[in-house]
Protein backbone atom coordinates (compact mmCIF):
# COMPACT_ATOMS: atom_id res chain seq x y z
CA MET A 1 26.19 56.79 -6.63
CA LYS A 2 22.44 57.03 -7.23
CA SER A 3 22.27 54.00 -9.28
CA VAL A 4 24.27 52.00 -6.59
CA MET A 5 22.13 53.09 -3.99
CA ASN A 6 19.02 51.50 -5.89
CA THR A 7 20.66 48.68 -6.65
CA PHE A 8 21.54 48.05 -2.76
CA ALA A 9 18.64 49.75 -1.18
CA SER A 10 17.88 47.46 1.22
CA VAL A 11 19.92 45.93 4.07
CA ALA A 12 16.96 43.78 5.08
CA LEU A 13 18.06 40.28 5.62
CA ALA A 14 15.78 38.15 3.39
CA PHE A 15 15.43 34.53 4.51
CA THR A 16 13.71 31.21 3.69
CA ALA A 17 11.24 29.31 5.92
CA SER A 18 13.37 26.94 8.20
CA ILE A 19 12.92 23.31 7.25
CA ALA A 20 14.13 19.93 8.63
CA HIS A 21 17.15 18.82 7.00
CA ALA A 22 19.41 16.19 7.49
CA GLN A 23 22.53 18.34 7.37
CA PRO A 24 21.33 21.94 7.38
CA PHE A 25 23.87 24.59 5.89
CA ILE A 26 23.77 28.37 6.55
CA GLU A 27 24.34 30.32 3.36
CA PHE A 28 25.15 34.38 3.81
CA HIS A 29 25.14 36.13 0.33
CA ILE A 30 26.64 39.56 0.92
CA GLN A 31 26.92 41.99 -1.90
CA ALA A 32 28.76 45.67 -1.34
CA VAL A 33 29.95 48.37 -3.12
CA VAL A 34 32.06 51.23 -1.80
CA ASP A 35 32.55 54.39 -3.73
CA SER A 36 35.53 56.13 -2.26
CA GLN A 37 37.61 59.33 -3.57
CA PHE A 38 39.75 56.82 -5.35
CA GLU A 39 37.54 53.92 -7.09
CA VAL A 40 34.58 52.23 -6.83
CA LEU A 41 34.97 48.69 -5.20
CA PRO A 42 32.10 46.28 -5.44
CA GLU A 43 32.58 42.86 -3.85
CA GLU A 44 30.41 40.03 -3.71
CA PHE A 45 31.13 36.46 -1.60
CA LYS A 46 29.02 33.68 -0.47
CA ILE A 47 29.99 31.59 2.56
CA VAL A 48 28.52 28.24 3.82
CA PHE A 49 28.53 27.06 7.33
CA ASP A 50 27.28 23.59 8.54
CA ALA A 51 24.91 24.30 11.27
CA SER A 52 25.28 20.87 12.88
CA GLU A 53 29.17 21.18 13.71
CA PRO A 54 29.87 22.32 16.93
CA THR A 55 31.74 25.74 17.80
CA THR A 56 35.14 26.26 19.00
CA PRO A 57 35.18 28.19 22.14
CA LEU A 58 37.82 31.43 21.79
CA SER A 59 39.08 33.52 24.34
CA LEU A 60 37.03 36.52 25.91
CA GLY A 61 34.00 34.32 25.61
CA ARG A 62 33.70 34.29 22.12
CA TYR A 63 32.78 31.07 19.74
CA SER A 64 33.96 30.19 16.02
CA LEU A 65 33.17 28.43 13.25
CA GLN A 66 34.77 27.61 10.12
CA ALA A 67 33.34 27.84 6.80
CA VAL A 68 32.86 24.85 4.68
CA TYR A 69 32.49 26.75 1.51
CA VAL A 70 33.49 30.16 0.55
CA ASP A 71 33.25 31.83 -3.12
CA ASN A 72 34.52 35.47 -3.06
CA GLN A 73 33.88 37.34 -6.10
CA GLN A 74 36.55 40.22 -5.67
CA SER A 75 36.82 43.20 -7.67
CA SER A 76 39.74 43.72 -10.25
CA SER A 77 42.38 46.32 -9.09
CA ASN A 78 41.45 48.72 -12.16
CA VAL A 79 37.50 49.21 -11.51
CA SER A 80 36.42 52.17 -13.33
CA ASP A 81 34.96 54.90 -11.61
CA SER A 82 31.49 54.38 -12.40
CA PRO A 83 29.21 51.44 -11.22
CA MET A 84 28.03 51.09 -14.59
CA ILE A 85 31.22 48.93 -16.23
CA ALA A 86 31.89 46.94 -19.33
CA GLY A 87 33.08 43.46 -19.37
CA ASP A 88 34.12 41.12 -16.64
CA GLN A 89 35.53 43.30 -13.68
CA THR A 90 35.72 40.54 -11.32
CA GLU A 91 37.57 37.46 -10.57
CA SER A 92 36.59 34.27 -8.24
CA VAL A 93 38.99 34.29 -5.50
CA PHE A 94 39.82 31.29 -3.48
CA ALA A 95 38.95 32.23 0.55
CA SER A 96 38.95 31.11 3.84
CA GLY A 97 35.89 32.20 5.87
CA ALA A 98 34.70 31.72 9.68
CA LEU A 99 31.78 33.09 11.70
CA PHE A 100 32.65 34.46 15.31
CA TYR A 101 29.93 35.31 17.89
CA ARG A 102 30.61 37.46 21.15
CA PRO A 103 27.85 36.45 23.94
CA SER A 104 28.85 39.45 26.12
CA THR A 105 27.66 41.77 23.22
CA ASP A 106 25.19 39.69 21.28
CA GLN A 107 27.72 40.31 18.21
CA LEU A 108 27.92 38.20 15.13
CA GLU A 109 31.08 38.39 12.68
CA ILE A 110 31.36 36.92 9.75
CA TYR A 111 34.61 36.69 7.91
CA ALA A 112 35.75 35.87 4.20
CA ASP A 113 39.27 36.53 4.35
CA ASP A 114 39.88 40.28 4.79
CA SER A 115 36.18 41.46 4.29
CA SER A 116 33.60 41.07 7.08
CA VAL A 117 29.75 41.91 7.97
CA THR A 118 29.20 42.46 12.01
CA ILE A 119 25.61 42.14 12.98
CA ARG A 120 25.22 43.42 16.51
CA SER A 121 21.83 42.75 18.47
CA VAL A 122 20.90 39.23 16.41
CA LEU A 123 17.20 38.08 16.61
CA GLY A 124 17.65 34.74 17.48
CA ASP A 125 18.66 32.80 20.73
CA PHE A 126 22.44 31.91 20.56
CA SER A 127 22.37 30.30 24.10
CA ASP A 128 23.31 27.07 22.67
CA ILE A 129 26.36 28.66 20.29
CA ALA A 130 28.81 26.14 21.84
CA SER A 131 27.00 23.06 20.45
CA SER A 132 25.83 24.52 17.14
CA ILE A 133 24.88 27.61 15.54
CA PRO A 134 20.70 28.08 14.67
CA ASP A 135 19.77 26.55 11.84
CA ASP A 136 16.81 28.77 11.19
CA PRO A 137 17.88 31.74 8.62
CA ALA A 138 15.75 34.04 10.96
CA ALA A 139 17.73 33.94 13.86
CA PHE A 140 20.58 35.76 12.13
CA LEU A 141 18.47 38.62 11.39
CA VAL A 142 19.38 42.06 12.98
CA ASP A 143 16.58 42.94 15.62
CA THR A 144 15.00 45.91 14.48
CA THR A 145 13.10 46.54 17.66
CA ASP A 146 16.53 47.28 19.43
CA PRO A 147 17.43 50.95 18.91
CA ASP A 148 21.44 50.05 19.31
CA ALA A 149 20.91 47.17 16.39
CA LYS A 150 23.92 47.87 14.03
CA MET A 151 25.43 46.13 10.86
CA THR A 152 28.97 46.98 9.56
CA TYR A 153 30.74 46.02 6.23
CA SER A 154 34.46 46.17 6.00
CA ASN A 155 36.35 45.43 2.64
CA TYR A 156 40.19 44.45 2.53
CA PHE A 157 40.84 47.84 1.43
CA ASN A 158 39.81 48.99 5.03
CA GLU A 159 37.04 51.17 3.46
CA GLY A 160 33.61 50.26 5.41
CA LEU A 161 29.82 51.15 5.74
CA GLU A 162 27.89 50.98 8.78
CA TRP A 163 23.76 50.57 8.72
CA THR A 164 21.58 51.77 11.69
CA LEU A 165 18.15 52.35 12.22
CA GLN A 166 18.18 56.01 12.81
CA ASP A 167 20.88 56.93 10.18
CA GLY A 168 20.81 54.17 7.51
CA PHE A 169 24.01 53.61 5.43
CA THR A 170 26.89 56.15 7.05
CA GLU A 171 30.54 55.83 6.14
CA ARG A 172 32.90 53.76 8.23
CA SER A 173 36.49 54.11 6.33
CA SER A 174 39.84 55.44 6.58
CA PHE A 175 38.61 57.52 3.58
CA GLU A 176 36.71 60.78 3.69
CA ASN A 177 33.15 61.28 1.70
CA SER A 178 33.19 57.24 0.90
CA THR A 179 29.71 56.39 -0.21
CA GLY A 180 27.84 52.82 -0.91
CA ALA A 181 25.59 50.11 0.62
CA PHE A 182 25.52 46.50 1.18
CA SER A 183 23.21 43.77 1.51
CA VAL A 184 23.04 40.27 3.39
CA ARG A 185 20.90 37.63 2.24
CA VAL A 186 20.84 34.22 4.44
CA ARG A 187 19.20 31.23 3.40
CA VAL A 188 19.41 27.08 4.42
CA VAL A 189 20.90 25.17 1.57
CA GLU A 190 21.43 21.37 1.45
CA ASP A 191 24.42 21.75 -0.30
CA PRO A 192 27.30 24.07 0.18
CA ASN A 193 27.49 24.34 -3.63
CA ALA A 194 23.99 24.96 -4.30
CA PRO A 195 23.19 27.33 -7.09
CA GLU A 196 20.95 30.63 -6.56
CA PRO A 197 17.65 29.71 -6.98
CA CYS A 198 16.07 30.34 -10.54
CA ASP A 199 12.33 31.91 -10.51
CA ALA A 200 11.90 30.23 -14.01
CA ASP A 201 12.38 26.87 -12.86
CA LEU A 202 8.69 26.71 -11.95
CA ASN A 203 8.46 22.86 -11.33
CA LYS A 204 11.65 22.93 -9.21
CA ASP A 205 13.48 20.17 -10.99
CA GLY A 206 16.92 22.04 -11.84
CA VAL A 207 15.97 22.15 -15.39
CA LEU A 208 14.66 24.88 -17.83
CA ASP A 209 12.48 23.21 -20.34
CA PHE A 210 9.32 22.72 -21.88
CA PHE A 211 7.78 21.46 -18.51
CA ASP A 212 8.14 24.74 -16.98
CA VAL A 213 6.60 26.70 -19.88
CA SER A 214 3.59 24.02 -19.37
CA ALA A 215 3.69 24.94 -15.55
CA TYR A 216 3.28 28.60 -16.57
CA ILE A 217 0.73 28.19 -18.84
CA ASP A 218 -1.22 26.26 -16.39
CA LEU A 219 -0.50 29.28 -13.96
CA TYR A 220 -1.67 31.89 -16.56
CA SER A 221 -4.76 29.45 -17.48
CA ASN A 222 -5.84 29.49 -13.64
CA GLY A 223 -5.52 33.19 -13.16
CA CYS A 224 -4.39 34.47 -9.53
CA PRO A 225 -5.82 32.74 -6.66
């Protein structure tokens, strides 16, 4: 499991700076691996919400918002015992998604079908959650100044992992001795189907070509600032 832990070593949510968008979308990119006594279960899903849409009030003081786009890369049923696998062991599965917020506990819940990530003690101000969710990715960060801050991942097999400031990743599943890790990244996207940013696209035109090579040569010639 050492390689798995190295791959998913950080639970910190990376985020991009908030800038003005006519219609901001907030994307959560969640990756997780749980190594139970039965098999290694990797999972990855992206879930996108329209930050300009009003939320729906629910019972017990909760608010919800349906996702506008979900891409769930679910592991196949016969994953080997090792995280190092050959071939394509995942399939893209249609999924529904939703976001829930509990003001009483300052808890954010992000669901993609039967998988979820819960963030307790978020950093941002959710006092206006009734009208919309925050459009700044930094608002969804876990507040690491709160000793009770906690993040939890649960998958469709009822296996889960918990992360706290004091203990890091610990088991939270129906099976004993499960290990693993998860990561969450939040960013603003203008398009719900926006692809991952490409580091090699230096001029940011969405195409890898000679102009990117030329831009690299210019950077190399100028040296580090």
